[in-house]
Amino acid sequence: MCLRDTRSGAWRLECRRIAQHRWRQLLGVWVGGLVALALLLPGSLRAMDAPLVLIVDTDPGVDDALALTWLLNQRERPIQFAGIVSVFGNSAVESTTSNVLTVLEMNNRTDIPVIRGAAAPLAQSASLTGWFIHGPDGLWGLGAQHPHDISLLPSDYVSFYCAAAVANPGATVLALGPLTNLAHVAAVCPDALRQLRVVVLGGAKAGGNKSAVAEFNFWQDPEAVQQVLDAGIRPQVAPLDTFSQVAVDQKLVEKLLRHGNRAVQMLAGPINQYAAVQLQGGGKILFPDLVAAVYGVDAAVGVSQSALIAVTATPAPHRGQSIVALSLPERLALIADDAELSSLALQAFTTPGFDLNAAFGAILARRPDNAWWVTGVDGKALLNAVERGLRGR
């Protein structure tokens, strides 16, 4: 430490040099601490500034088309598109693939690779019931007005996924339709697929929108959903229970269309028809794919909980039902039958020193949690992000 001294200018210069050196040391420690904190926090500004490498697996569909448009224009973080893979679902795969190309043209992003995906579920015929809400072509006539030759598009989506996973570990897959593509990939290169973050739109814990118990995407190919859950991927599942929290009214739809960008204006007719069908049925106007897309880009808008999920693949009326265990009793009942649990109850009350917690732990170890269940989203923050991304420049 330098004390005040007037004996020489050299002494004063040395004091100043020491003070400056110590200040630089302190500044270095402070900056280094901030850098270290940014590296440690997953929700940090550093993470949100880094480009998100994204693969979209989709079946457009009006809400899919709007979600793609948002992803191509959103202002939350930079996105590097590794590719878009089509799948059957809201319409036949020929239509959904063509619709992907139409949406990319609307947004002037024909540079993004498009891969044609699965045409049918693993164990049954493709359903046509998506026509009721999206029209036969998936875009209420707009798709048929903009046909594309998809014959030259690559169709080996399994090889695409396996290679993309190796090249982009940590990338995000946003699955907006049936999980058939991912089920095939999980059968071929499960280790590579486990390197990816997978966000899935689908499932329901309470009720359904395809049937009394099943959500539409899971209902379309329940065998594929179970294969994905069994592959050790642990997807983040945005279910009906959550995306239905973000219902909008006709006024907000009109506002989005009034202030929307060029692509939104071109989608205005299909969007209005899609909204009208939902209101006709006495329901709410929902855009599930938009909810999943915003969550896929910024998980901070939602909260999730570790879950054990099983999907029913039996015929109607239970087809596609997702059984979601979030609590200890729910998990135990999903893994063990009543006879086993009754035996534990008997031992717990009749056998001195019986370790019930250890017995429960052994049951849970037989079937670990296989997903993250998105239990809620910040609707206001999510809709604000939607408006920013869809607004005309």
Protein backbone atom coordinates (compact mmCIF):
# COMPACT_ATOMS: atom_id res chain seq x y z
CA MET A 1 0.00 0.00 0.00
CA CYS A 2 1.30 3.50 -0.88
CA LEU A 3 1.01 6.21 1.70
CA ARG A 4 0.94 9.85 0.74
CA ASP A 5 4.50 11.15 0.32
CA THR A 6 5.79 14.34 -1.18
CA ARG A 7 9.50 13.52 -1.17
CA SER A 8 9.85 12.65 -4.88
CA GLY A 9 7.91 12.49 -8.13
CA ALA A 10 9.35 9.01 -8.76
CA TRP A 11 7.71 7.75 -5.54
CA ARG A 12 4.36 9.19 -6.59
CA LEU A 13 4.63 7.55 -10.06
CA GLU A 14 5.41 4.18 -8.45
CA CYS A 15 2.34 4.50 -6.20
CA ARG A 16 0.18 5.27 -9.22
CA ARG A 17 1.61 2.25 -11.12
CA ILE A 18 0.86 -0.10 -8.19
CA ALA A 19 -2.70 1.27 -7.86
CA GLN A 20 -3.36 0.82 -11.57
CA HIS A 21 -2.01 -2.74 -11.47
CA ARG A 22 -4.27 -3.63 -8.55
CA TRP A 23 -7.26 -2.09 -10.30
CA ARG A 24 -6.56 -4.17 -13.41
CA GLN A 25 -6.35 -7.28 -11.23
CA LEU A 26 -9.70 -6.54 -9.60
CA LEU A 27 -11.31 -5.79 -12.97
CA GLY A 28 -9.97 -9.05 -14.35
CA VAL A 29 -11.42 -11.03 -11.46
CA TRP A 30 -14.79 -9.29 -11.85
CA VAL A 31 -14.99 -9.86 -15.62
CA GLY A 32 -13.77 -13.43 -15.24
CA GLY A 33 -16.48 -14.09 -12.68
CA LEU A 34 -19.16 -12.80 -15.01
CA VAL A 35 -17.88 -14.97 -17.86
CA ALA A 36 -17.81 -18.02 -15.61
CA LEU A 37 -21.36 -17.30 -14.42
CA ALA A 38 -22.58 -16.97 -17.99
CA LEU A 39 -21.02 -20.30 -18.87
CA LEU A 40 -22.61 -22.03 -15.89
CA LEU A 41 -26.16 -20.72 -16.21
CA PRO A 42 -28.19 -22.54 -18.91
CA GLY A 43 -30.67 -19.69 -19.16
CA SER A 44 -28.01 -17.03 -19.48
CA LEU A 45 -27.84 -14.29 -22.03
CA ARG A 46 -24.86 -16.09 -23.54
CA ALA A 47 -27.00 -19.16 -24.24
CA MET A 48 -29.81 -17.10 -25.74
CA ASP A 49 -27.35 -15.25 -27.98
CA ALA A 50 -25.84 -18.48 -29.31
CA PRO A 51 -27.50 -19.80 -32.49
CA LEU A 52 -30.02 -22.57 -31.92
CA VAL A 53 -29.40 -25.41 -34.35
CA LEU A 54 -32.90 -26.62 -35.21
CA ILE A 55 -34.56 -29.48 -37.07
CA VAL A 56 -38.33 -29.15 -37.48
CA ASP A 57 -40.39 -32.33 -37.96
CA THR A 58 -43.80 -31.17 -39.12
CA ASP A 59 -47.09 -31.95 -40.87
CA PRO A 60 -48.45 -28.58 -42.14
CA GLY A 61 -51.39 -27.94 -41.24
CA VAL A 62 -52.43 -24.34 -40.65
CA ASP A 63 -50.94 -24.00 -37.18
CA ASP A 64 -47.75 -25.74 -38.35
CA ALA A 65 -47.47 -23.22 -41.21
CA LEU A 66 -47.89 -20.37 -38.74
CA ALA A 67 -45.33 -21.92 -36.38
CA LEU A 68 -42.83 -22.29 -39.23
CA THR A 69 -43.43 -18.67 -40.21
CA TRP A 70 -42.77 -17.59 -36.64
CA LEU A 71 -39.59 -19.66 -36.43
CA LEU A 72 -38.33 -18.11 -39.66
CA ASN A 73 -38.95 -14.58 -38.39
CA GLN A 74 -38.75 -14.75 -34.59
CA ARG A 75 -36.64 -12.24 -32.68
CA GLU A 76 -35.86 -14.23 -29.55
CA ARG A 77 -32.54 -15.77 -30.64
CA PRO A 78 -30.62 -16.66 -33.82
CA ILE A 79 -31.63 -19.97 -35.42
CA GLN A 80 -29.57 -22.15 -37.74
CA PHE A 81 -31.91 -24.52 -39.58
CA ALA A 82 -30.33 -27.91 -40.18
CA GLY A 83 -33.42 -29.03 -42.07
CA ILE A 84 -37.19 -29.50 -42.11
CA VAL A 85 -38.58 -33.03 -42.27
CA SER A 86 -42.17 -33.58 -43.32
CA VAL A 87 -44.51 -36.27 -42.02
CA PHE A 88 -48.11 -37.35 -42.61
CA GLY A 89 -50.63 -36.06 -40.10
CA ASN A 90 -52.87 -33.12 -40.78
CA SER A 91 -52.85 -34.24 -44.41
CA ALA A 92 -51.08 -36.78 -46.62
CA VAL A 93 -47.30 -36.52 -46.67
CA GLU A 94 -47.40 -35.36 -50.30
CA SER A 95 -49.46 -32.34 -49.22
CA THR A 96 -47.55 -31.63 -46.01
CA THR A 97 -44.22 -31.74 -47.88
CA SER A 98 -45.51 -29.39 -50.56
CA ASN A 99 -46.87 -27.10 -47.84
CA VAL A 100 -43.42 -26.89 -46.22
CA LEU A 101 -42.02 -25.67 -49.54
CA THR A 102 -44.88 -23.17 -49.87
CA VAL A 103 -44.23 -21.71 -46.41
CA LEU A 104 -40.50 -21.42 -47.13
CA GLU A 105 -41.25 -19.57 -50.37
CA MET A 106 -43.62 -17.21 -48.55
CA ASN A 107 -40.83 -16.36 -46.14
CA ASN A 108 -38.04 -16.19 -48.75
CA ARG A 109 -36.15 -19.06 -47.10
CA THR A 110 -35.83 -21.66 -49.84
CA ASP A 111 -32.22 -22.20 -48.72
CA ILE A 112 -33.33 -24.58 -45.95
CA PRO A 113 -33.09 -28.32 -46.76
CA VAL A 114 -36.42 -30.16 -46.89
CA ILE A 115 -36.62 -33.93 -46.47
CA ARG A 116 -39.71 -35.98 -47.20
CA GLY A 117 -40.70 -38.10 -44.21
CA ALA A 118 -42.99 -40.99 -43.33
CA ALA A 119 -46.26 -41.46 -45.20
CA ALA A 120 -48.09 -43.64 -42.66
CA PRO A 121 -48.03 -44.75 -39.02
CA LEU A 122 -46.07 -47.80 -37.91
CA ALA A 123 -49.03 -50.13 -37.50
CA GLN A 124 -52.15 -48.70 -39.13
CA SER A 125 -53.43 -46.60 -42.00
CA ALA A 126 -53.07 -42.83 -41.97
CA SER A 127 -56.16 -40.96 -40.77
CA LEU A 128 -57.97 -38.35 -42.86
CA THR A 129 -59.64 -36.65 -39.88
CA GLY A 130 -57.16 -33.77 -39.98
CA TRP A 131 -59.12 -32.59 -43.00
CA PHE A 132 -61.91 -31.43 -40.69
CA ILE A 133 -59.77 -28.62 -39.27
CA HIS A 134 -57.11 -28.06 -41.97
CA GLY A 135 -58.90 -28.98 -45.21
CA PRO A 136 -57.90 -31.83 -47.56
CA ASP A 137 -54.62 -30.15 -48.60
CA GLY A 138 -53.71 -29.02 -45.07
CA LEU A 139 -54.03 -25.30 -45.83
CA TRP A 140 -57.69 -24.90 -46.75
CA GLY A 141 -57.01 -24.72 -50.47
CA LEU A 142 -53.88 -22.56 -50.36
CA GLY A 143 -51.68 -25.62 -50.59
CA ALA A 144 -53.52 -26.93 -53.65
CA GLN A 145 -53.08 -23.50 -55.28
CA HIS A 146 -49.30 -23.74 -54.81
CA PRO A 147 -48.36 -27.31 -55.79
CA HIS A 148 -44.70 -28.39 -55.80
CA ASP A 149 -42.87 -31.23 -57.44
CA ILE A 150 -41.53 -33.14 -54.47
CA SER A 151 -40.21 -36.10 -56.46
CA LEU A 152 -36.62 -34.83 -56.36
CA LEU A 153 -36.54 -34.15 -52.63
CA PRO A 154 -34.45 -36.50 -50.49
CA SER A 155 -36.58 -39.05 -48.66
CA ASP A 156 -34.02 -40.95 -46.57
CA TYR A 157 -34.95 -39.06 -43.43
CA VAL A 158 -33.37 -41.70 -41.19
CA SER A 159 -29.92 -41.10 -42.69
CA PHE A 160 -30.49 -37.36 -42.50
CA TYR A 161 -31.29 -37.50 -38.79
CA CYS A 162 -28.43 -39.83 -37.94
CA ALA A 163 -25.91 -37.63 -39.78
CA ALA A 164 -27.37 -34.37 -38.41
CA ALA A 165 -27.23 -35.68 -34.84
CA VAL A 166 -23.54 -36.58 -35.19
CA ALA A 167 -22.73 -33.24 -36.82
CA ASN A 168 -24.80 -31.14 -34.39
CA PRO A 169 -24.78 -32.65 -30.89
CA GLY A 170 -27.05 -30.61 -28.65
CA ALA A 171 -29.23 -29.44 -31.53
CA THR A 172 -33.00 -29.20 -31.00
CA VAL A 173 -35.59 -31.31 -32.80
CA LEU A 174 -39.04 -29.72 -32.75
CA ALA A 175 -41.58 -32.46 -33.50
CA LEU A 176 -44.94 -30.91 -34.33
CA GLY A 177 -46.70 -33.96 -35.79
CA PRO A 178 -46.82 -37.74 -35.33
CA LEU A 179 -43.53 -39.23 -34.09
CA THR A 180 -43.19 -41.83 -36.84
CA ASN A 181 -40.00 -40.34 -38.28
CA LEU A 182 -38.29 -40.27 -34.90
CA ALA A 183 -39.38 -43.83 -34.10
CA HIS A 184 -37.65 -45.08 -37.25
CA VAL A 185 -34.55 -43.04 -36.39
CA ALA A 186 -34.50 -44.37 -32.82
CA ALA A 187 -34.45 -47.91 -34.21
CA VAL A 188 -31.36 -47.21 -36.35
CA CYS A 189 -29.18 -44.71 -34.47
CA PRO A 190 -30.50 -44.32 -30.90
CA ASP A 191 -27.14 -43.19 -29.52
CA ALA A 192 -26.93 -40.33 -32.01
CA LEU A 193 -30.52 -39.32 -31.36
CA ARG A 194 -29.83 -39.15 -27.62
CA GLN A 195 -27.36 -36.35 -28.35
CA LEU A 196 -30.25 -34.11 -29.41
CA ARG A 197 -32.77 -32.13 -27.40
CA VAL A 198 -36.21 -33.28 -28.57
CA VAL A 199 -39.30 -31.14 -28.02
CA VAL A 200 -42.56 -32.96 -28.76
CA LEU A 201 -46.02 -31.50 -29.26
CA GLY A 202 -48.56 -34.04 -28.09
CA GLY A 203 -50.15 -36.08 -25.36
CA ALA A 204 -52.55 -35.20 -22.59
CA LYS A 205 -52.86 -36.10 -18.93
CA ALA A 206 -56.51 -35.16 -18.62
CA GLY A 207 -58.85 -35.61 -21.57
CA GLY A 208 -58.11 -35.24 -25.26
CA ASN A 209 -58.93 -33.38 -28.47
CA LYS A 210 -59.12 -36.38 -30.81
CA SER A 211 -61.13 -38.53 -28.43
CA ALA A 212 -62.24 -38.34 -24.84
CA VAL A 213 -58.80 -39.61 -23.74
CA ALA A 214 -56.34 -38.96 -26.58
CA GLU A 215 -54.55 -35.95 -28.05
CA PHE A 216 -54.40 -35.92 -31.87
CA ASN A 217 -50.64 -36.33 -32.49
CA PHE A 218 -50.26 -39.21 -30.02
CA TRP A 219 -53.46 -40.81 -31.34
CA GLN A 220 -52.07 -40.78 -34.90
CA ASP A 221 -49.21 -43.15 -34.10
CA PRO A 222 -49.15 -44.34 -30.48
CA GLU A 223 -46.69 -47.16 -31.27
CA ALA A 224 -44.20 -44.56 -32.54
CA VAL A 225 -44.62 -42.45 -29.41
CA GLN A 226 -43.88 -45.41 -27.15
CA GLN A 227 -40.79 -46.34 -29.19
CA VAL A 228 -39.45 -42.81 -28.85
CA LEU A 229 -40.14 -42.83 -25.10
CA ASP A 230 -38.38 -46.19 -24.76
CA ALA A 231 -35.28 -45.00 -26.65
CA GLY A 232 -33.80 -43.04 -23.74
CA ILE A 233 -34.24 -39.69 -25.48
CA ARG A 234 -36.26 -38.12 -22.64
CA PRO A 235 -38.16 -35.64 -24.84
CA GLN A 236 -39.69 -32.45 -23.49
CA VAL A 237 -43.41 -32.97 -24.11
CA ALA A 238 -45.72 -29.97 -24.57
CA PRO A 239 -49.18 -31.53 -24.05
CA LEU A 240 -52.78 -30.54 -24.63
CA ASP A 241 -53.11 -29.68 -20.93
CA THR A 242 -50.47 -26.98 -21.42
CA PHE A 243 -51.01 -25.61 -24.91
CA SER A 244 -54.74 -25.25 -24.24
CA GLN A 245 -53.81 -22.70 -21.55
CA VAL A 246 -52.91 -20.31 -24.38
CA ALA A 247 -56.29 -19.85 -26.02
CA VAL A 248 -56.85 -16.72 -28.10
CA ASP A 249 -59.98 -14.89 -29.15
CA GLN A 250 -61.08 -13.65 -32.56
CA LYS A 251 -59.85 -10.13 -31.77
CA LEU A 252 -56.28 -11.34 -31.27
CA VAL A 253 -56.45 -13.37 -34.48
CA GLU A 254 -57.60 -10.26 -36.34
CA LYS A 255 -54.80 -8.24 -34.75
CA LEU A 256 -52.18 -10.77 -35.82
CA LEU A 257 -53.52 -10.72 -39.37
CA ARG A 258 -53.78 -6.94 -39.48
CA HIS A 259 -50.19 -6.37 -38.38
CA GLY A 260 -48.66 -9.58 -39.68
CA ASN A 261 -45.81 -9.92 -42.15
CA ARG A 262 -46.18 -10.94 -45.78
CA ALA A 263 -46.37 -14.66 -45.06
CA VAL A 264 -49.04 -14.14 -42.38
CA GLN A 265 -51.08 -12.09 -44.87
CA MET A 266 -50.83 -14.92 -47.40
CA LEU A 267 -52.00 -17.39 -44.74
CA ALA A 268 -54.92 -15.18 -43.69
CA GLY A 269 -57.60 -17.24 -45.44
CA PRO A 270 -56.51 -20.59 -43.97
CA ILE A 271 -56.01 -19.03 -40.52
CA ASN A 272 -59.52 -17.56 -40.50
CA GLN A 273 -61.04 -20.86 -41.62
CA TYR A 274 -59.00 -22.79 -39.03
CA ALA A 275 -60.20 -20.43 -36.29
CA ALA A 276 -63.81 -20.57 -37.48
CA VAL A 277 -63.88 -24.38 -37.36
CA GLN A 278 -62.67 -24.38 -33.77
CA LEU A 279 -65.25 -21.81 -32.72
CA GLN A 280 -68.00 -23.70 -34.58
CA GLY A 281 -67.37 -26.72 -32.43
CA GLY A 282 -67.87 -24.64 -29.31
CA GLY A 283 -64.18 -24.73 -28.51
CA LYS A 284 -61.39 -22.20 -28.10
CA ILE A 285 -59.02 -20.95 -30.77
CA LEU A 286 -55.78 -22.79 -30.15
CA PHE A 287 -52.48 -22.69 -32.04
CA PRO A 288 -50.67 -25.65 -30.42
CA ASP A 289 -47.71 -25.61 -32.80
CA LEU A 290 -46.97 -21.98 -32.00
CA VAL A 291 -46.84 -22.80 -28.28
CA ALA A 292 -44.40 -25.65 -28.91
CA ALA A 293 -42.31 -23.54 -31.27
CA VAL A 294 -41.86 -20.69 -28.78
CA TYR A 295 -41.04 -23.16 -26.01
CA GLY A 296 -38.56 -24.90 -28.31
CA VAL A 297 -36.71 -21.64 -28.87
CA ASP A 298 -36.96 -20.35 -25.30
CA ALA A 299 -37.71 -22.96 -22.63
CA ALA A 300 -37.80 -20.15 -20.04
CA VAL A 301 -41.43 -19.45 -21.06
CA GLY A 302 -42.45 -22.79 -19.55
CA VAL A 303 -41.89 -25.10 -16.62
CA SER A 304 -41.43 -28.86 -16.84
CA GLN A 305 -41.42 -31.84 -14.51
CA SER A 306 -39.76 -35.22 -14.82
CA ALA A 307 -42.34 -37.81 -15.84
CA LEU A 308 -42.93 -41.44 -16.64
CA ILE A 309 -45.23 -41.77 -19.64
CA ALA A 310 -46.89 -44.77 -21.26
CA VAL A 311 -49.08 -44.62 -24.36
CA THR A 312 -51.96 -46.97 -25.11
CA ALA A 313 -51.79 -48.58 -28.54
CA THR A 314 -55.01 -50.61 -28.30
CA PRO A 315 -57.93 -49.82 -30.62
CA ALA A 316 -60.54 -47.18 -29.81
CA PRO A 317 -61.75 -45.90 -27.46
CA HIS A 318 -58.39 -45.92 -25.60
CA ARG A 319 -56.05 -45.60 -28.59
CA GLY A 320 -53.45 -42.89 -28.13
CA GLN A 321 -54.17 -42.27 -24.46
CA SER A 322 -51.10 -41.04 -22.62
CA ILE A 323 -50.78 -42.20 -19.03
CA VAL A 324 -48.61 -39.61 -17.31
CA ALA A 325 -47.09 -40.35 -13.91
CA LEU A 326 -45.79 -37.28 -12.09
CA SER A 327 -46.18 -38.31 -8.43
CA LEU A 328 -44.82 -41.29 -6.50
CA PRO A 329 -48.20 -43.09 -6.27
CA GLU A 330 -48.76 -42.58 -10.01
CA ARG A 331 -45.32 -43.95 -10.86
CA LEU A 332 -45.71 -46.99 -8.59
CA ALA A 333 -49.12 -47.83 -10.06
CA LEU A 334 -47.74 -47.57 -13.61
CA ILE A 335 -44.82 -49.91 -12.89
CA ALA A 336 -46.12 -52.45 -10.36
CA ASP A 337 -49.45 -54.25 -10.23
CA ASP A 338 -51.78 -54.14 -7.23
CA ALA A 339 -50.72 -57.58 -6.01
CA GLU A 340 -47.11 -56.44 -5.64
CA LEU A 341 -48.07 -53.18 -3.94
CA SER A 342 -50.48 -55.00 -1.62
CA SER A 343 -47.67 -57.37 -0.62
CA LEU A 344 -45.48 -54.37 0.24
CA ALA A 345 -48.29 -52.91 2.35
CA LEU A 346 -48.59 -56.18 4.25
CA GLN A 347 -44.83 -56.37 4.89
CA ALA A 348 -44.65 -52.72 5.93
CA PHE A 349 -47.17 -53.32 8.74
CA THR A 350 -46.23 -56.85 9.79
CA THR A 351 -42.47 -57.26 9.26
CA PRO A 352 -40.23 -55.51 11.80
CA GLY A 353 -37.49 -53.45 10.18
CA PHE A 354 -38.99 -53.72 6.70
CA ASP A 355 -37.55 -50.92 4.55
CA LEU A 356 -40.51 -49.66 2.52
CA ASN A 357 -38.53 -46.81 0.97
CA ALA A 358 -35.95 -49.25 -0.37
CA ALA A 359 -38.74 -51.41 -1.80
CA PHE A 360 -40.28 -48.41 -3.54
CA GLY A 361 -36.87 -47.42 -4.86
CA ALA A 362 -36.37 -50.87 -6.36
CA ILE A 363 -39.70 -50.58 -8.19
CA LEU A 364 -38.88 -47.12 -9.54
CA ALA A 365 -35.46 -48.35 -10.74
CA ARG A 366 -37.17 -50.93 -12.96
CA ARG A 367 -38.68 -48.21 -15.11
CA PRO A 368 -37.02 -44.79 -14.85
CA ASP A 369 -38.68 -41.57 -15.97
CA ASN A 370 -38.63 -41.26 -19.77
CA ALA A 371 -39.67 -37.66 -20.49
CA TRP A 372 -40.07 -34.12 -19.25
CA TRP A 373 -43.70 -32.99 -19.07
CA VAL A 374 -44.25 -29.28 -19.71
CA THR A 375 -46.74 -28.45 -16.98
CA GLY A 376 -47.27 -24.77 -17.75
CA VAL A 377 -46.27 -21.80 -19.85
CA ASP A 378 -46.25 -18.05 -19.34
CA GLY A 379 -49.07 -17.25 -21.76
CA LYS A 380 -48.46 -13.52 -21.77
CA ALA A 381 -44.74 -13.83 -22.49
CA LEU A 382 -45.42 -16.46 -25.12
CA LEU A 383 -48.02 -14.39 -26.98
CA ASN A 384 -45.76 -11.33 -26.82
CA ALA A 385 -43.02 -13.37 -28.49
CA VAL A 386 -45.52 -14.56 -31.12
CA GLU A 387 -46.59 -11.01 -31.93
CA ARG A 388 -42.97 -9.82 -32.21
CA GLY A 389 -42.10 -12.65 -34.55
CA LEU A 390 -45.14 -12.42 -36.83
CA ARG A 391 -45.25 -8.63 -37.05
CA GLY A 392 -44.42 -7.00 -40.36
CA ARG A 393 -41.06 -5.29 -40.43
